[in-house]
Amino acid sequence: MSKVLLSVWEKGNVKITENDLILKVYYFPIGTARRIKLSDIKEVTELQTSPCDGASKTWGMTLSPVWWHWPGHFVRSGPALVIRTTAESPSFFSPAAGISVEAGDIDYVKGLLTKHMQ
């Protein structure tokens, strides 16, 4: 019998369960999901991105060391969260995960992602 993952929050291609952050359509170009254990999250940073700052949100990696999930449409600017799961600073070889979140949801989602941090 498979275990049912109860969703705490889900919108678009982002799902948060009791233990995991699931980014659907994450890996470019094949579109498979990435699962991040909430207990592995070291830092969550809120950004307001724009096409001019090198951190615009496309699918994959832009000029910043952040790998963005596919939100279902091309998003060039707006609120976002960057999730770091390692102690080191993000780099080309170990990018942080970036997710697009609507402005009305960003505080709630950030709270869900950071409540497991020690």
PDB file of N, CA and C in Angstrom:
ATOM      1  N   MET A   1       0.846  -1.178   0.000  1.00  0.00           N
ATOM      2  CA  MET A   1       0.000   0.000   0.000  1.00  0.00           C
ATOM      3  C   MET A   1       0.888   1.237   0.000  1.00  0.00           C
ATOM      4  N   SER A   2       0.652   2.144  -0.913  1.00  0.00           N
ATOM      5  CA  SER A   2       1.485   3.345  -0.994  1.00  0.00           C
ATOM      6  C   SER A   2       1.011   4.396   0.006  1.00  0.00           C
ATOM      7  N   LYS A   3       1.963   5.206   0.439  1.00  0.00           N
ATOM      8  CA  LYS A   3       1.679   6.256   1.414  1.00  0.00           C
ATOM      9  C   LYS A   3       1.119   7.476   0.690  1.00  0.00           C
ATOM     10  N   VAL A   4       0.043   8.019   1.183  1.00  0.00           N
ATOM     11  CA  VAL A   4      -0.570   9.208   0.602  1.00  0.00           C
ATOM     12  C   VAL A   4       0.103  10.437   1.198  1.00  0.00           C
ATOM     13  N   LEU A   5       0.570  11.345   0.320  1.00  0.00           N
ATOM     14  CA  LEU A   5       1.191  12.583   0.777  1.00  0.00           C
ATOM     15  C   LEU A   5       0.113  13.651   0.895  1.00  0.00           C
ATOM     16  N   LEU A   6      -0.201  14.022   2.113  1.00  0.00           N
ATOM     17  CA  LEU A   6      -1.202  15.058   2.327  1.00  0.00           C
ATOM     18  C   LEU A   6      -0.591  16.415   2.055  1.00  0.00           C
ATOM     19  N   SER A   7      -1.242  17.172   1.226  1.00  0.00           N
ATOM     20  CA  SER A   7      -0.746  18.487   0.854  1.00  0.00           C
ATOM     21  C   SER A   7      -1.120  19.505   1.922  1.00  0.00           C
ATOM     22  N   VAL A   8      -0.115  20.243   2.395  1.00  0.00           N
ATOM     23  CA  VAL A   8      -0.347  21.349   3.315  1.00  0.00           C
ATOM     24  C   VAL A   8      -0.697  22.590   2.497  1.00  0.00           C
ATOM     25  N   TRP A   9      -0.009  22.743   1.360  1.00  0.00           N
ATOM     26  CA  TRP A   9      -0.246  23.873   0.454  1.00  0.00           C
ATOM     27  C   TRP A   9       0.125  23.424  -0.950  1.00  0.00           C
ATOM     28  N   GLU A  10      -0.694  23.780  -1.924  1.00  0.00           N
ATOM     29  CA  GLU A  10      -0.391  23.433  -3.312  1.00  0.00           C
ATOM     30  C   GLU A  10      -1.002  24.474  -4.229  1.00  0.00           C
ATOM     31  N   LYS A  11      -0.194  24.948  -5.145  1.00  0.00           N
ATOM     32  CA  LYS A  11      -0.678  25.873  -6.161  1.00  0.00           C
ATOM     33  C   LYS A  11       0.236  25.737  -7.369  1.00  0.00           C
ATOM     34  N   GLY A  12      -0.365  25.553  -8.535  1.00  0.00           N
ATOM     35  CA  GLY A  12       0.432  25.409  -9.749  1.00  0.00           C
ATOM     36  C   GLY A  12       1.362  24.210  -9.652  1.00  0.00           C
ATOM     37  N   ASN A  13       2.636  24.425  -9.922  1.00  0.00           N
ATOM     38  CA  ASN A  13       3.626  23.352  -9.917  1.00  0.00           C
ATOM     39  C   ASN A  13       4.413  23.261  -8.620  1.00  0.00           C
ATOM     40  N   VAL A  14       3.900  23.850  -7.541  1.00  0.00           N
ATOM     41  CA  VAL A  14       4.566  23.804  -6.238  1.00  0.00           C
ATOM     42  C   VAL A  14       3.629  23.141  -5.235  1.00  0.00           C
ATOM     43  N   LYS A  15       4.161  22.153  -4.521  1.00  0.00           N
ATOM     44  CA  LYS A  15       3.377  21.450  -3.508  1.00  0.00           C
ATOM     45  C   LYS A  15       4.223  21.317  -2.250  1.00  0.00           C
ATOM     46  N   ILE A  16       3.620  21.600  -1.104  1.00  0.00           N
ATOM     47  CA  ILE A  16       4.294  21.421   0.175  1.00  0.00           C
ATOM     48  C   ILE A  16       3.482  20.413   0.972  1.00  0.00           C
ATOM     49  N   THR A  17       4.159  19.330   1.405  1.00  0.00           N
ATOM     50  CA  THR A  17       3.528  18.335   2.264  1.00  0.00           C
ATOM     51  C   THR A  17       4.071  18.538   3.678  1.00  0.00           C
ATOM     52  N   GLU A  18       3.737  17.644   4.580  1.00  0.00           N
ATOM     53  CA  GLU A  18       4.233  17.760   5.950  1.00  0.00           C
ATOM     54  C   GLU A  18       5.756  17.692   6.014  1.00  0.00           C
ATOM     55  N   ASN A  19       6.382  16.979   5.077  1.00  0.00           N
ATOM     56  CA  ASN A  19       7.828  16.762   5.140  1.00  0.00           C
ATOM     57  C   ASN A  19       8.610  17.235   3.925  1.00  0.00           C
ATOM     58  N   ASP A  20       7.938  17.537   2.814  1.00  0.00           N
ATOM     59  CA  ASP A  20       8.647  17.798   1.565  1.00  0.00           C
ATOM     60  C   ASP A  20       8.124  19.024   0.829  1.00  0.00           C
ATOM     61  N   LEU A  21       9.025  19.614   0.064  1.00  0.00           N
ATOM     62  CA  LEU A  21       8.688  20.602  -0.955  1.00  0.00           C
ATOM     63  C   LEU A  21       8.832  19.873  -2.279  1.00  0.00           C
ATOM     64  N   ILE A  22       7.783  19.834  -3.069  1.00  0.00           N
ATOM     65  CA  ILE A  22       7.818  19.149  -4.360  1.00  0.00           C
ATOM     66  C   ILE A  22       7.650  20.198  -5.446  1.00  0.00           C
ATOM     67  N   LEU A  23       8.665  20.305  -6.287  1.00  0.00           N
ATOM     68  CA  LEU A  23       8.648  21.240  -7.410  1.00  0.00           C
ATOM     69  C   LEU A  23       8.390  20.421  -8.666  1.00  0.00           C
ATOM     70  N   LYS A  24       7.161  20.457  -9.139  1.00  0.00           N
ATOM     71  CA  LYS A  24       6.801  19.707 -10.339  1.00  0.00           C
ATOM     72  C   LYS A  24       7.403  20.421 -11.543  1.00  0.00           C
ATOM     73  N   VAL A  25       7.729  19.698 -12.560  1.00  0.00           N
ATOM     74  CA  VAL A  25       8.310  20.242 -13.795  1.00  0.00           C
ATOM     75  C   VAL A  25       9.531  21.099 -13.445  1.00  0.00           C
ATOM     76  N   TYR A  26      10.497  20.495 -12.779  1.00  0.00           N
ATOM     77  CA  TYR A  26      11.672  21.228 -12.306  1.00  0.00           C
ATOM     78  C   TYR A  26      12.856  21.108 -13.260  1.00  0.00           C
ATOM     79  N   TYR A  27      13.232  19.882 -13.587  1.00  0.00           N
ATOM     80  CA  TYR A  27      14.463  19.674 -14.357  1.00  0.00           C
ATOM     81  C   TYR A  27      14.246  19.929 -15.845  1.00  0.00           C
ATOM     82  N   PHE A  28      15.029  20.848 -16.392  1.00  0.00           N
ATOM     83  CA  PHE A  28      14.981  21.229 -17.804  1.00  0.00           C
ATOM     84  C   PHE A  28      15.882  20.281 -18.584  1.00  0.00           C
ATOM     85  N   PRO A  29      15.534  19.798 -19.739  1.00  0.00           N
ATOM     86  CA  PRO A  29      14.300  20.012 -20.496  1.00  0.00           C
ATOM     87  C   PRO A  29      13.274  18.901 -20.320  1.00  0.00           C
ATOM     88  N   ILE A  30      13.539  17.906 -19.463  1.00  0.00           N
ATOM     89  CA  ILE A  30      12.632  16.755 -19.404  1.00  0.00           C
ATOM     90  C   ILE A  30      11.423  16.958 -18.496  1.00  0.00           C
ATOM     91  N   GLY A  31      11.497  17.920 -17.589  1.00  0.00           N
ATOM     92  CA  GLY A  31      10.336  18.282 -16.790  1.00  0.00           C
ATOM     93  C   GLY A  31      10.008  17.383 -15.620  1.00  0.00           C
ATOM     94  N   THR A  32      10.982  16.620 -15.124  1.00  0.00           N
ATOM     95  CA  THR A  32      10.701  15.801 -13.951  1.00  0.00           C
ATOM     96  C   THR A  32      10.703  16.658 -12.687  1.00  0.00           C
ATOM     97  N   ALA A  33      10.132  16.121 -11.635  1.00  0.00           N
ATOM     98  CA  ALA A  33       9.986  16.864 -10.380  1.00  0.00           C
ATOM     99  C   ALA A  33      11.246  16.772  -9.524  1.00  0.00           C
ATOM    100  N   ARG A  34      11.382  17.726  -8.618  1.00  0.00           N
ATOM    101  CA  ARG A  34      12.429  17.690  -7.599  1.00  0.00           C
ATOM    102  C   ARG A  34      11.735  17.701  -6.243  1.00  0.00           C
ATOM    103  N   ARG A  35      12.179  16.817  -5.381  1.00  0.00           N
ATOM    104  CA  ARG A  35      11.645  16.736  -4.022  1.00  0.00           C
ATOM    105  C   ARG A  35      12.739  17.189  -3.062  1.00  0.00           C
ATOM    106  N   ILE A  36      12.427  18.177  -2.234  1.00  0.00           N
ATOM    107  CA  ILE A  36      13.367  18.685  -1.238  1.00  0.00           C
ATOM    108  C   ILE A  36      12.758  18.428   0.135  1.00  0.00           C
ATOM    109  N   LYS A  37      13.474  17.715   0.974  1.00  0.00           N
ATOM    110  CA  LYS A  37      13.002  17.496   2.343  1.00  0.00           C
ATOM    111  C   LYS A  37      13.035  18.825   3.088  1.00  0.00           C
ATOM    112  N   LEU A  38      11.968  19.162   3.780  1.00  0.00           N
ATOM    113  CA  LEU A  38      11.923  20.418   4.524  1.00  0.00           C
ATOM    114  C   LEU A  38      13.040  20.474   5.559  1.00  0.00           C
ATOM    115  N   SER A  39      13.416  19.328   6.100  1.00  0.00           N
ATOM    116  CA  SER A  39      14.489  19.290   7.101  1.00  0.00           C
ATOM    117  C   SER A  39      15.855  19.593   6.496  1.00  0.00           C
ATOM    118  N   ASP A  40      15.993  19.516   5.160  1.00  0.00           N
ATOM    119  CA  ASP A  40      17.262  19.820   4.481  1.00  0.00           C
ATOM    120  C   ASP A  40      17.413  21.301   4.147  1.00  0.00           C
ATOM    121  N   ILE A  41      16.368  22.081   4.298  1.00  0.00           N
ATOM    122  CA  ILE A  41      16.419  23.499   3.928  1.00  0.00           C
ATOM    123  C   ILE A  41      17.240  24.272   4.951  1.00  0.00           C
ATOM    124  N   LYS A  42      18.239  25.000   4.456  1.00  0.00           N
ATOM    125  CA  LYS A  42      19.129  25.792   5.314  1.00  0.00           C
ATOM    126  C   LYS A  42      18.762  27.270   5.320  1.00  0.00           C
ATOM    127  N   GLU A  43      18.217  27.763   4.200  1.00  0.00           N
ATOM    128  CA  GLU A  43      17.907  29.184   4.098  1.00  0.00           C
ATOM    129  C   GLU A  43      16.831  29.397   3.039  1.00  0.00           C
ATOM    130  N   VAL A  44      15.923  30.333   3.309  1.00  0.00           N
ATOM    131  CA  VAL A  44      14.902  30.731   2.342  1.00  0.00           C
ATOM    132  C   VAL A  44      14.977  32.245   2.219  1.00  0.00           C
ATOM    133  N   THR A  45      15.221  32.714   0.999  1.00  0.00           N
ATOM    134  CA  THR A  45      15.368  34.144   0.745  1.00  0.00           C
ATOM    135  C   THR A  45      14.244  34.608  -0.167  1.00  0.00           C
ATOM    136  N   GLU A  46      13.634  35.711   0.197  1.00  0.00           N
ATOM    137  CA  GLU A  46      12.573  36.296  -0.623  1.00  0.00           C
ATOM    138  C   GLU A  46      13.188  37.295  -1.589  1.00  0.00           C
ATOM    139  N   LEU A  47      12.792  37.216  -2.852  1.00  0.00           N
ATOM    140  CA  LEU A  47      13.286  38.125  -3.889  1.00  0.00           C
ATOM    141  C   LEU A  47      12.127  38.788  -4.613  1.00  0.00           C
ATOM    142  N   GLN A  48      12.379  39.957  -5.117  1.00  0.00           N
ATOM    143  CA  GLN A  48      11.479  40.596  -6.076  1.00  0.00           C
ATOM    144  C   GLN A  48      12.305  40.700  -7.351  1.00  0.00           C
ATOM    145  N   THR A  49      12.044  39.852  -8.314  1.00  0.00           N
ATOM    146  CA  THR A  49      12.889  39.777  -9.501  1.00  0.00           C
ATOM    147  C   THR A  49      12.359  40.644 -10.632  1.00  0.00           C
ATOM    148  N   SER A  50      13.283  40.995 -11.520  1.00  0.00           N
ATOM    149  CA  SER A  50      12.925  41.735 -12.728  1.00  0.00           C
ATOM    150  C   SER A  50      13.866  41.302 -13.843  1.00  0.00           C
ATOM    151  N   PRO A  51      13.494  41.517 -15.092  1.00  0.00           N
ATOM    152  CA  PRO A  51      14.350  41.111 -16.208  1.00  0.00           C
ATOM    153  C   PRO A  51      15.702  41.811 -16.209  1.00  0.00           C
ATOM    154  N   CYS A  52      15.820  42.921 -15.520  1.00  0.00           N
ATOM    155  CA  CYS A  52      17.055  43.713 -15.566  1.00  0.00           C
ATOM    156  C   CYS A  52      18.068  43.342 -14.493  1.00  0.00           C
ATOM    157  N   ASP A  53      17.713  42.482 -13.534  1.00  0.00           N
ATOM    158  CA  ASP A  53      18.632  42.215 -12.430  1.00  0.00           C
ATOM    159  C   ASP A  53      19.398  40.903 -12.548  1.00  0.00           C
ATOM    160  N   GLY A  54      19.245  40.195 -13.664  1.00  0.00           N
ATOM    161  CA  GLY A  54      19.969  38.940 -13.852  1.00  0.00           C
ATOM    162  C   GLY A  54      19.339  37.774 -13.113  1.00  0.00           C
ATOM    163  N   ALA A  55      18.236  38.004 -12.439  1.00  0.00           N
ATOM    164  CA  ALA A  55      17.576  36.935 -11.687  1.00  0.00           C
ATOM    165  C   ALA A  55      16.150  36.721 -12.173  1.00  0.00           C
ATOM    166  N   SER A  56      15.871  37.109 -13.416  1.00  0.00           N
ATOM    167  CA  SER A  56      14.518  36.908 -13.921  1.00  0.00           C
ATOM    168  C   SER A  56      14.204  35.422 -13.933  1.00  0.00           C
ATOM    169  N   LYS A  57      12.935  35.100 -13.743  1.00  0.00           N
ATOM    170  CA  LYS A  57      12.550  33.716 -13.544  1.00  0.00           C
ATOM    171  C   LYS A  57      12.168  33.059 -14.862  1.00  0.00           C
ATOM    172  N   THR A  58      13.043  32.247 -15.366  1.00  0.00           N
ATOM    173  CA  THR A  58      12.736  31.404 -16.510  1.00  0.00           C
ATOM    174  C   THR A  58      12.892  29.975 -16.034  1.00  0.00           C
ATOM    175  N   TRP A  59      12.677  29.018 -16.908  1.00  0.00           N
ATOM    176  CA  TRP A  59      12.827  27.622 -16.512  1.00  0.00           C
ATOM    177  C   TRP A  59      14.284  27.247 -16.651  1.00  0.00           C
ATOM    178  N   GLY A  60      14.890  26.782 -15.590  1.00  0.00           N
ATOM    179  CA  GLY A  60      16.304  26.442 -15.601  1.00  0.00           C
ATOM    180  C   GLY A  60      17.112  27.529 -14.917  1.00  0.00           C
ATOM    181  N   MET A  61      18.351  27.716 -15.353  1.00  0.00           N
ATOM    182  CA  MET A  61      19.240  28.664 -14.696  1.00  0.00           C
ATOM    183  C   MET A  61      19.401  29.925 -15.532  1.00  0.00           C
ATOM    184  N   THR A  62      19.397  31.062 -14.862  1.00  0.00           N
ATOM    185  CA  THR A  62      19.640  32.342 -15.520  1.00  0.00           C
ATOM    186  C   THR A  62      21.056  32.777 -15.168  1.00  0.00           C
ATOM    187  N   LEU A  63      21.304  34.059 -15.078  1.00  0.00           N
ATOM    188  CA  LEU A  63      22.643  34.545 -14.736  1.00  0.00           C
ATOM    189  C   LEU A  63      22.968  34.382 -13.256  1.00  0.00           C
ATOM    190  N   SER A  64      21.982  34.100 -12.438  1.00  0.00           N
ATOM    191  CA  SER A  64      22.208  33.876 -11.010  1.00  0.00           C
ATOM    192  C   SER A  64      22.343  32.371 -10.756  1.00  0.00           C
ATOM    193  N   PRO A  65      22.963  31.964  -9.643  1.00  0.00           N
ATOM    194  CA  PRO A  65      23.107  30.532  -9.353  1.00  0.00           C
ATOM    195  C   PRO A  65      21.831  29.940  -8.736  1.00  0.00           C
ATOM    196  N   VAL A  66      20.726  30.138  -9.438  1.00  0.00           N
ATOM    197  CA  VAL A  66      19.426  29.633  -8.994  1.00  0.00           C
ATOM    198  C   VAL A  66      18.814  28.845 -10.143  1.00  0.00           C
ATOM    199  N   TRP A  67      18.314  27.652  -9.858  1.00  0.00           N
ATOM    200  CA  TRP A  67      17.626  26.838 -10.856  1.00  0.00           C
ATOM    201  C   TRP A  67      16.130  26.998 -10.603  1.00  0.00           C
ATOM    202  N   TRP A  68      15.430  27.630 -11.559  1.00  0.00           N
ATOM    203  CA  TRP A  68      14.012  27.945 -11.403  1.00  0.00           C
ATOM    204  C   TRP A  68      13.139  26.807 -11.906  1.00  0.00           C
ATOM    205  N   HIS A  69      12.088  26.486 -11.170  1.00  0.00           N
ATOM    206  CA  HIS A  69      11.115  25.493 -11.626  1.00  0.00           C
ATOM    207  C   HIS A  69      10.245  26.130 -12.716  1.00  0.00           C
ATOM    208  N   TRP A  70       9.497  25.317 -13.428  1.00  0.00           N
ATOM    209  CA  TRP A  70       8.575  25.809 -14.457  1.00  0.00           C
ATOM    210  C   TRP A  70       7.241  26.119 -13.786  1.00  0.00           C
ATOM    211  N   PRO A  71       6.847  27.395 -13.726  1.00  0.00           N
ATOM    212  CA  PRO A  71       5.605  27.747 -13.041  1.00  0.00           C
ATOM    213  C   PRO A  71       4.351  27.543 -13.886  1.00  0.00           C
ATOM    214  N   GLY A  72       4.500  27.073 -15.116  1.00  0.00           N
ATOM    215  CA  GLY A  72       3.356  26.873 -15.994  1.00  0.00           C
ATOM    216  C   GLY A  72       3.266  27.920 -17.079  1.00  0.00           C
ATOM    217  N   HIS A  73       4.075  28.956 -16.971  1.00  0.00           N
ATOM    218  CA  HIS A  73       4.133  30.029 -17.964  1.00  0.00           C
ATOM    219  C   HIS A  73       5.436  30.769 -17.727  1.00  0.00           C
ATOM    220  N   PHE A  74       5.899  31.485 -18.718  1.00  0.00           N
ATOM    221  CA  PHE A  74       7.140  32.240 -18.533  1.00  0.00           C
ATOM    222  C   PHE A  74       6.884  33.440 -17.639  1.00  0.00           C
ATOM    223  N   VAL A  75       7.583  33.482 -16.537  1.00  0.00           N
ATOM    224  CA  VAL A  75       7.472  34.583 -15.584  1.00  0.00           C
ATOM    225  C   VAL A  75       8.803  35.311 -15.591  1.00  0.00           C
ATOM    226  N   ARG A  76       8.797  36.549 -15.950  1.00  0.00           N
ATOM    227  CA  ARG A  76      10.041  37.308 -16.034  1.00  0.00           C
ATOM    228  C   ARG A  76      10.312  38.131 -14.780  1.00  0.00           C
ATOM    229  N   SER A  77       9.268  38.422 -14.021  1.00  0.00           N
ATOM    230  CA  SER A  77       9.472  39.239 -12.829  1.00  0.00           C
ATOM    231  C   SER A  77       8.385  38.935 -11.812  1.00  0.00           C
ATOM    232  N   GLY A  78       8.609  39.400 -10.589  1.00  0.00           N
ATOM    233  CA  GLY A  78       7.626  39.207  -9.541  1.00  0.00           C
ATOM    234  C   GLY A  78       8.227  38.558  -8.316  1.00  0.00           C
ATOM    235  N   PRO A  79       7.388  38.234  -7.324  1.00  0.00           N
ATOM    236  CA  PRO A  79       7.894  37.651  -6.082  1.00  0.00           C
ATOM    237  C   PRO A  79       8.388  36.229  -6.291  1.00  0.00           C
ATOM    238  N   ALA A  80       9.425  35.877  -5.537  1.00  0.00           N
ATOM    239  CA  ALA A  80      10.007  34.544  -5.644  1.00  0.00           C
ATOM    240  C   ALA A  80      10.684  34.176  -4.337  1.00  0.00           C
ATOM    241  N   LEU A  81      10.899  32.877  -4.150  1.00  0.00           N
ATOM    242  CA  LEU A  81      11.662  32.380  -3.015  1.00  0.00           C
ATOM    243  C   LEU A  81      12.825  31.560  -3.542  1.00  0.00           C
ATOM    244  N   VAL A  82      13.995  31.748  -2.939  1.00  0.00           N
ATOM    245  CA  VAL A  82      15.184  30.973  -3.282  1.00  0.00           C
ATOM    246  C   VAL A  82      15.491  30.086  -2.083  1.00  0.00           C
ATOM    247  N   ILE A  83      15.600  28.780  -2.325  1.00  0.00           N
ATOM    248  CA  ILE A  83      15.788  27.799  -1.265  1.00  0.00           C
ATOM    249  C   ILE A  83      17.181  27.199  -1.366  1.00  0.00           C
ATOM    250  N   ARG A  84      17.951  27.339  -0.302  1.00  0.00           N
ATOM    251  CA  ARG A  84      19.308  26.786  -0.254  1.00  0.00           C
ATOM    252  C   ARG A  84      19.287  25.569   0.662  1.00  0.00           C
ATOM    253  N   THR A  85      19.865  24.460   0.170  1.00  0.00           N
ATOM    254  CA  THR A  85      19.871  23.213   0.938  1.00  0.00           C
ATOM    255  C   THR A  85      21.268  22.783   1.361  1.00  0.00           C
ATOM    256  N   THR A  86      22.273  23.580   1.048  1.00  0.00           N
ATOM    257  CA  THR A  86      23.642  23.249   1.448  1.00  0.00           C
ATOM    258  C   THR A  86      24.211  24.394   2.266  1.00  0.00           C
ATOM    259  N   ALA A  87      25.269  24.104   3.002  1.00  0.00           N
ATOM    260  CA  ALA A  87      25.906  25.135   3.821  1.00  0.00           C
ATOM    261  C   ALA A  87      26.689  26.115   2.952  1.00  0.00           C
ATOM    262  N   GLU A  88      27.120  25.669   1.776  1.00  0.00           N
ATOM    263  CA  GLU A  88      27.899  26.520   0.885  1.00  0.00           C
ATOM    264  C   GLU A  88      26.990  27.500   0.147  1.00  0.00           C
ATOM    265  N   SER A  89      27.584  28.571  -0.333  1.00  0.00           N
ATOM    266  CA  SER A  89      26.839  29.513  -1.167  1.00  0.00           C
ATOM    267  C   SER A  89      26.479  28.840  -2.480  1.00  0.00           C
ATOM    268  N   PRO A  90      25.323  29.158  -3.048  1.00  0.00           N
ATOM    269  CA  PRO A  90      24.949  28.569  -4.334  1.00  0.00           C
ATOM    270  C   PRO A  90      25.970  28.910  -5.420  1.00  0.00           C
ATOM    271  N   SER A  91      26.177  27.978  -6.329  1.00  0.00           N
ATOM    272  CA  SER A  91      27.098  28.184  -7.440  1.00  0.00           C
ATOM    273  C   SER A  91      26.522  27.516  -8.680  1.00  0.00           C
ATOM    274  N   PHE A  92      27.238  27.637  -9.783  1.00  0.00           N
ATOM    275  CA  PHE A  92      26.816  27.007 -11.032  1.00  0.00           C
ATOM    276  C   PHE A  92      26.681  25.496 -10.852  1.00  0.00           C
ATOM    277  N   PHE A  93      27.586  24.888 -10.055  1.00  0.00           N
ATOM    278  CA  PHE A  93      27.588  23.436  -9.872  1.00  0.00           C
ATOM    279  C   PHE A  93      26.653  22.977  -8.755  1.00  0.00           C
ATOM    280  N   SER A  94      26.242  23.877  -7.896  1.00  0.00           N
ATOM    281  CA  SER A  94      25.338  23.556  -6.798  1.00  0.00           C
ATOM    282  C   SER A  94      24.338  24.701  -6.623  1.00  0.00           C
ATOM    283  N   PRO A  95      23.422  24.857  -7.592  1.00  0.00           N
ATOM    284  CA  PRO A  95      22.508  26.004  -7.535  1.00  0.00           C
ATOM    285  C   PRO A  95      21.446  25.849  -6.451  1.00  0.00           C
ATOM    286  N   ALA A  96      20.929  26.977  -6.014  1.00  0.00           N
ATOM    287  CA  ALA A  96      19.774  26.983  -5.124  1.00  0.00           C
ATOM    288  C   ALA A  96      18.529  26.718  -5.971  1.00  0.00           C
ATOM    289  N   ALA A  97      17.435  26.346  -5.327  1.00  0.00           N
ATOM    290  CA  ALA A  97      16.171  26.131  -6.031  1.00  0.00           C
ATOM    291  C   ALA A  97      15.344  27.404  -5.949  1.00  0.00           C
ATOM    292  N   GLY A  98      14.783  27.824  -7.070  1.00  0.00           N
ATOM    293  CA  GLY A  98      13.951  29.020  -7.100  1.00  0.00           C
ATOM    294  C   GLY A  98      12.522  28.675  -7.437  1.00  0.00           C
ATOM    295  N   ILE A  99      11.581  29.281  -6.720  1.00  0.00           N
ATOM    296  CA  ILE A  99      10.172  29.051  -7.007  1.00  0.00           C
ATOM    297  C   ILE A  99       9.439  30.382  -7.122  1.00  0.00           C
ATOM    298  N   SER A 100       8.492  30.423  -8.025  1.00  0.00           N
ATOM    299  CA  SER A 100       7.626  31.590  -8.181  1.00  0.00           C
ATOM    300  C   SER A 100       6.428  31.413  -7.262  1.00  0.00           C
ATOM    301  N   VAL A 101       6.121  32.453  -6.514  1.00  0.00           N
ATOM    302  CA  VAL A 101       4.992  32.414  -5.590  1.00  0.00           C
ATOM    303  C   VAL A 101       4.213  33.713  -5.755  1.00  0.00           C
ATOM    304  N   GLU A 102       2.907  33.620  -5.796  1.00  0.00           N
ATOM    305  CA  GLU A 102       2.092  34.830  -5.906  1.00  0.00           C
ATOM    306  C   GLU A 102       2.263  35.686  -4.656  1.00  0.00           C
ATOM    307  N   ALA A 103       2.185  36.979  -4.829  1.00  0.00           N
ATOM    308  CA  ALA A 103       2.427  37.922  -3.733  1.00  0.00           C
ATOM    309  C   ALA A 103       1.558  37.628  -2.510  1.00  0.00           C
ATOM    310  N   GLY A 104       0.321  37.240  -2.706  1.00  0.00           N
ATOM    311  CA  GLY A 104      -0.570  36.967  -1.587  1.00  0.00           C
ATOM    312  C   GLY A 104      -0.234  35.713  -0.804  1.00  0.00           C
ATOM    313  N   ASP A 105       0.576  34.824  -1.383  1.00  0.00           N
ATOM    314  CA  ASP A 105       0.928  33.556  -0.742  1.00  0.00           C
ATOM    315  C   ASP A 105       2.339  33.536  -0.171  1.00  0.00           C
ATOM    316  N   ILE A 106       3.158  34.510  -0.502  1.00  0.00           N
ATOM    317  CA  ILE A 106       4.592  34.398  -0.234  1.00  0.00           C
ATOM    318  C   ILE A 106       4.919  34.278   1.256  1.00  0.00           C
ATOM    319  N   ASP A 107       4.273  35.039   2.125  1.00  0.00           N
ATOM    320  CA  ASP A 107       4.566  34.955   3.560  1.00  0.00           C
ATOM    321  C   ASP A 107       4.165  33.599   4.129  1.00  0.00           C
ATOM    322  N   TYR A 108       3.022  33.085   3.714  1.00  0.00           N
ATOM    323  CA  TYR A 108       2.557  31.784   4.191  1.00  0.00           C
ATOM    324  C   TYR A 108       3.495  30.668   3.739  1.00  0.00           C
ATOM    325  N   VAL A 109       3.866  30.670   2.463  1.00  0.00           N
ATOM    326  CA  VAL A 109       4.757  29.641   1.921  1.00  0.00           C
ATOM    327  C   VAL A 109       6.130  29.722   2.586  1.00  0.00           C
ATOM    328  N   LYS A 110       6.657  30.920   2.739  1.00  0.00           N
ATOM    329  CA  LYS A 110       7.956  31.080   3.407  1.00  0.00           C
ATOM    330  C   LYS A 110       7.886  30.539   4.837  1.00  0.00           C
ATOM    331  N   GLY A 111       6.793  30.783   5.530  1.00  0.00           N
ATOM    332  CA  GLY A 111       6.618  30.252   6.883  1.00  0.00           C
ATOM    333  C   GLY A 111       6.599  28.734   6.913  1.00  0.00           C
ATOM    334  N   LEU A 112       5.920  28.107   5.946  1.00  0.00           N
ATOM    335  CA  LEU A 112       5.898  26.646   5.875  1.00  0.00           C
ATOM    336  C   LEU A 112       7.291  26.076   5.626  1.00  0.00           C
ATOM    337  N   LEU A 113       8.064  26.749   4.770  1.00  0.00           N
ATOM    338  CA  LEU A 113       9.394  26.249   4.419  1.00  0.00           C
ATOM    339  C   LEU A 113      10.417  26.467   5.524  1.00  0.00           C
ATOM    340  N   THR A 114      10.235  27.484   6.345  1.00  0.00           N
ATOM    341  CA  THR A 114      11.239  27.796   7.371  1.00  0.00           C
ATOM    342  C   THR A 114      10.906  27.227   8.743  1.00  0.00           C
ATOM    343  N   LYS A 115       9.710  26.712   8.949  1.00  0.00           N
ATOM    344  CA  LYS A 115       9.351  26.237  10.289  1.00  0.00           C
ATOM    345  C   LYS A 115      10.162  25.010  10.711  1.00  0.00           C
ATOM    346  N   HIS A 116      10.762  24.295   9.773  1.00  0.00           N
ATOM    347  CA  HIS A 116      11.560  23.114  10.098  1.00  0.00           C
ATOM    348  C   HIS A 116      13.033  23.446  10.314  1.00  0.00           C
ATOM    349  N   MET A 117      13.413  24.671  10.033  1.00  0.00           N
ATOM    350  CA  MET A 117      14.830  25.042  10.153  1.00  0.00           C
ATOM    351  C   MET A 117      15.223  25.130  11.625  1.00  0.00           C
ATOM    352  N   GLN A 118      16.442  24.677  11.909  1.00  0.00           N
ATOM    353  CA  GLN A 118      16.931  24.696  13.298  1.00  0.00           C
ATOM    354  C   GLN A 118      17.828  25.866  13.536  1.00  0.00           C
TER     355      GLN A 118
END
